[in-house]
Amino acid sequence: MAFTAEYADVEPTRAEIDATPGPLLVEFGAPWCGHCIGIQNTLADLMARFPQVEHIKIYDGRGQPLGRSFRVKLWPTLAFLLDGKLLHRAVRPDEAEILTGLCALFP
């Protein structure tokens, strides 16, 4: 797996996310969000160090069920899951917090 540059065309359900085996990073944001755009290079560089992590990018918005199930209020919000269990959540993270989340996936 690797960094995903494009937002998913179809939002998965929470049940599908919870059933995903292995390490998973779910990124919530919007393509026009300045904060989201600002972390893309850092996120891509860090994800290259963790190629086994699946990355799903969700175009979030008001009332979107998946984002609400993760209590997303600000973008970007990153959810780090292992075998469907949320291990770390980062809101408008810096490089250190993204790295903390990725490292949390490998106890």
C-alpha atoms as a PDB file:
ATOM      1  CA  MET A   1       0.000   0.000   0.000  1.00  0.00           C
ATOM      2  CA  ALA A   2       1.087   3.582  -0.336  1.00  0.00           C
ATOM      3  CA  PHE A   3       0.102   7.195  -0.023  1.00  0.00           C
ATOM      4  CA  THR A   4      -3.158   7.950  -1.833  1.00  0.00           C
ATOM      5  CA  ALA A   5      -3.192  11.317  -3.574  1.00  0.00           C
ATOM      6  CA  GLU A   6      -6.840  11.269  -4.668  1.00  0.00           C
ATOM      7  CA  TYR A   7      -9.982  11.328  -2.563  1.00  0.00           C
ATOM      8  CA  ALA A   8     -12.111   8.173  -2.704  1.00  0.00           C
ATOM      9  CA  ASP A   9     -14.974   8.279  -5.192  1.00  0.00           C
ATOM     10  CA  VAL A  10     -17.244   6.397  -2.791  1.00  0.00           C
ATOM     11  CA  GLU A  11     -17.125   6.713   0.979  1.00  0.00           C
ATOM     12  CA  PRO A  12     -16.818   3.312   2.673  1.00  0.00           C
ATOM     13  CA  THR A  13     -19.112   2.482   5.562  1.00  0.00           C
ATOM     14  CA  ARG A  14     -17.876   2.392   9.137  1.00  0.00           C
ATOM     15  CA  ALA A  15     -18.481  -1.373   9.116  1.00  0.00           C
ATOM     16  CA  GLU A  16     -16.161  -1.724   6.105  1.00  0.00           C
ATOM     17  CA  ILE A  17     -13.475   0.354   7.850  1.00  0.00           C
ATOM     18  CA  ASP A  18     -13.860  -1.649  11.065  1.00  0.00           C
ATOM     19  CA  ALA A  19     -13.501  -4.908   9.101  1.00  0.00           C
ATOM     20  CA  THR A  20     -10.293  -3.832   7.344  1.00  0.00           C
ATOM     21  CA  PRO A  21      -7.421  -6.089   8.405  1.00  0.00           C
ATOM     22  CA  GLY A  22      -3.983  -4.708   9.172  1.00  0.00           C
ATOM     23  CA  PRO A  23      -2.774  -1.129   9.527  1.00  0.00           C
ATOM     24  CA  LEU A  24      -4.979   1.571   8.025  1.00  0.00           C
ATOM     25  CA  LEU A  25      -4.821   5.354   7.868  1.00  0.00           C
ATOM     26  CA  VAL A  26      -8.098   7.118   7.117  1.00  0.00           C
ATOM     27  CA  GLU A  27      -7.611  10.770   6.187  1.00  0.00           C
ATOM     28  CA  PHE A  28     -10.624  13.107   6.343  1.00  0.00           C
ATOM     29  CA  GLY A  29     -10.463  16.411   4.509  1.00  0.00           C
ATOM     30  CA  ALA A  30     -11.327  18.303   1.354  1.00  0.00           C
ATOM     31  CA  PRO A  31      -9.332  19.002  -1.811  1.00  0.00           C
ATOM     32  CA  TRP A  32      -9.733  22.766  -1.354  1.00  0.00           C
ATOM     33  CA  CYS A  33      -8.789  22.815   2.365  1.00  0.00           C
ATOM     34  CA  GLY A  34      -5.542  24.715   2.925  1.00  0.00           C
ATOM     35  CA  HIS A  35      -4.611  22.667   6.004  1.00  0.00           C
ATOM     36  CA  CYS A  36      -5.213  19.442   4.064  1.00  0.00           C
ATOM     37  CA  ILE A  37      -3.118  20.603   1.132  1.00  0.00           C
ATOM     38  CA  GLY A  38      -0.403  21.724   3.529  1.00  0.00           C
ATOM     39  CA  ILE A  39       0.256  18.262   5.000  1.00  0.00           C
ATOM     40  CA  GLN A  40       0.259  16.291   1.746  1.00  0.00           C
ATOM     41  CA  ASN A  41       4.015  16.313   1.091  1.00  0.00           C
ATOM     42  CA  THR A  42       4.809  15.455   4.714  1.00  0.00           C
ATOM     43  CA  LEU A  43       2.203  12.703   4.726  1.00  0.00           C
ATOM     44  CA  ALA A  44       3.498  11.265   1.443  1.00  0.00           C
ATOM     45  CA  ASP A  45       7.089  11.256   2.743  1.00  0.00           C
ATOM     46  CA  LEU A  46       6.118   9.543   6.010  1.00  0.00           C
ATOM     47  CA  MET A  47       3.836   7.029   4.297  1.00  0.00           C
ATOM     48  CA  ALA A  48       6.781   6.001   2.099  1.00  0.00           C
ATOM     49  CA  ARG A  49       8.475   4.777   5.282  1.00  0.00           C
ATOM     50  CA  PHE A  50       5.437   2.619   6.130  1.00  0.00           C
ATOM     51  CA  PRO A  51       4.470   0.929   2.831  1.00  0.00           C
ATOM     52  CA  GLN A  52       2.412  -1.724   4.613  1.00  0.00           C
ATOM     53  CA  VAL A  53      -0.124   0.894   5.805  1.00  0.00           C
ATOM     54  CA  GLU A  54      -3.243   1.204   3.668  1.00  0.00           C
ATOM     55  CA  HIS A  55      -4.287   4.835   3.126  1.00  0.00           C
ATOM     56  CA  ILE A  56      -7.839   5.935   2.379  1.00  0.00           C
ATOM     57  CA  LYS A  57      -8.561   9.593   1.711  1.00  0.00           C
ATOM     58  CA  ILE A  58     -12.164  10.663   2.397  1.00  0.00           C
ATOM     59  CA  TYR A  59     -13.698  13.876   1.032  1.00  0.00           C
ATOM     60  CA  ASP A  60     -15.581  14.803   4.169  1.00  0.00           C
ATOM     61  CA  GLY A  61     -18.432  17.221   4.578  1.00  0.00           C
ATOM     62  CA  ARG A  62     -21.314  18.173   6.805  1.00  0.00           C
ATOM     63  CA  GLY A  63     -23.480  15.167   7.634  1.00  0.00           C
ATOM     64  CA  GLN A  64     -21.175  12.565   6.081  1.00  0.00           C
ATOM     65  CA  PRO A  65     -21.707   9.440   8.195  1.00  0.00           C
ATOM     66  CA  LEU A  66     -18.142   8.118   8.203  1.00  0.00           C
ATOM     67  CA  GLY A  67     -16.635  11.417   9.320  1.00  0.00           C
ATOM     68  CA  ARG A  68     -19.248  11.833  12.023  1.00  0.00           C
ATOM     69  CA  SER A  69     -18.551   8.306  13.318  1.00  0.00           C
ATOM     70  CA  PHE A  70     -14.931   9.426  13.879  1.00  0.00           C
ATOM     71  CA  ARG A  71     -16.056  12.755  15.436  1.00  0.00           C
ATOM     72  CA  VAL A  72     -14.431  14.794  12.661  1.00  0.00           C
ATOM     73  CA  LYS A  73     -14.899  18.511  13.238  1.00  0.00           C
ATOM     74  CA  LEU A  74     -11.733  19.967  11.669  1.00  0.00           C
ATOM     75  CA  TRP A  75      -9.714  18.982   8.621  1.00  0.00           C
ATOM     76  CA  PRO A  76      -7.503  17.220   8.189  1.00  0.00           C
ATOM     77  CA  THR A  77      -8.320  14.563  10.745  1.00  0.00           C
ATOM     78  CA  LEU A  78      -6.304  11.355  10.558  1.00  0.00           C
ATOM     79  CA  ALA A  79      -7.524   8.089  12.073  1.00  0.00           C
ATOM     80  CA  PHE A  80      -4.913   5.376  12.586  1.00  0.00           C
ATOM     81  CA  LEU A  81      -6.468   1.909  12.874  1.00  0.00           C
ATOM     82  CA  LEU A  82      -5.122  -1.581  13.306  1.00  0.00           C
ATOM     83  CA  ASP A  83      -7.484  -4.437  12.452  1.00  0.00           C
ATOM     84  CA  GLY A  84     -10.425  -2.041  12.698  1.00  0.00           C
ATOM     85  CA  LYS A  85      -9.486  -0.635  16.125  1.00  0.00           C
ATOM     86  CA  LEU A  86      -8.761   3.073  16.424  1.00  0.00           C
ATOM     87  CA  LEU A  87      -5.308   3.468  18.007  1.00  0.00           C
ATOM     88  CA  HIS A  88      -4.600   7.148  17.398  1.00  0.00           C
ATOM     89  CA  ARG A  89      -6.465  10.186  16.115  1.00  0.00           C
ATOM     90  CA  ALA A  90      -4.769  13.382  14.965  1.00  0.00           C
ATOM     91  CA  VAL A  91      -6.427  16.693  14.113  1.00  0.00           C
ATOM     92  CA  ARG A  92      -4.462  19.161  11.961  1.00  0.00           C
ATOM     93  CA  PRO A  93      -1.325  17.198  12.794  1.00  0.00           C
ATOM     94  CA  ASP A  94       2.273  18.184  12.370  1.00  0.00           C
ATOM     95  CA  GLU A  95       4.976  15.788  11.183  1.00  0.00           C
ATOM     96  CA  ALA A  96       5.710  14.479  14.688  1.00  0.00           C
ATOM     97  CA  GLU A  97       2.064  13.628  15.371  1.00  0.00           C
ATOM     98  CA  ILE A  98       1.667  11.834  12.031  1.00  0.00           C
ATOM     99  CA  LEU A  99       4.781   9.807  12.801  1.00  0.00           C
ATOM    100  CA  THR A 100       3.411   8.994  16.272  1.00  0.00           C
ATOM    101  CA  GLY A 101       0.204   7.720  14.685  1.00  0.00           C
ATOM    102  CA  LEU A 102       2.037   5.579  12.126  1.00  0.00           C
ATOM    103  CA  CYS A 103       4.328   4.130  14.796  1.00  0.00           C
ATOM    104  CA  ALA A 104       1.282   3.299  16.951  1.00  0.00           C
ATOM    105  CA  LEU A 105       0.210   0.853  14.234  1.00  0.00           C
ATOM    106  CA  PHE A 106       3.241  -1.336  14.953  1.00  0.00           C
ATOM    107  CA  PRO A 107       3.229  -2.152  18.675  1.00  0.00           C
END
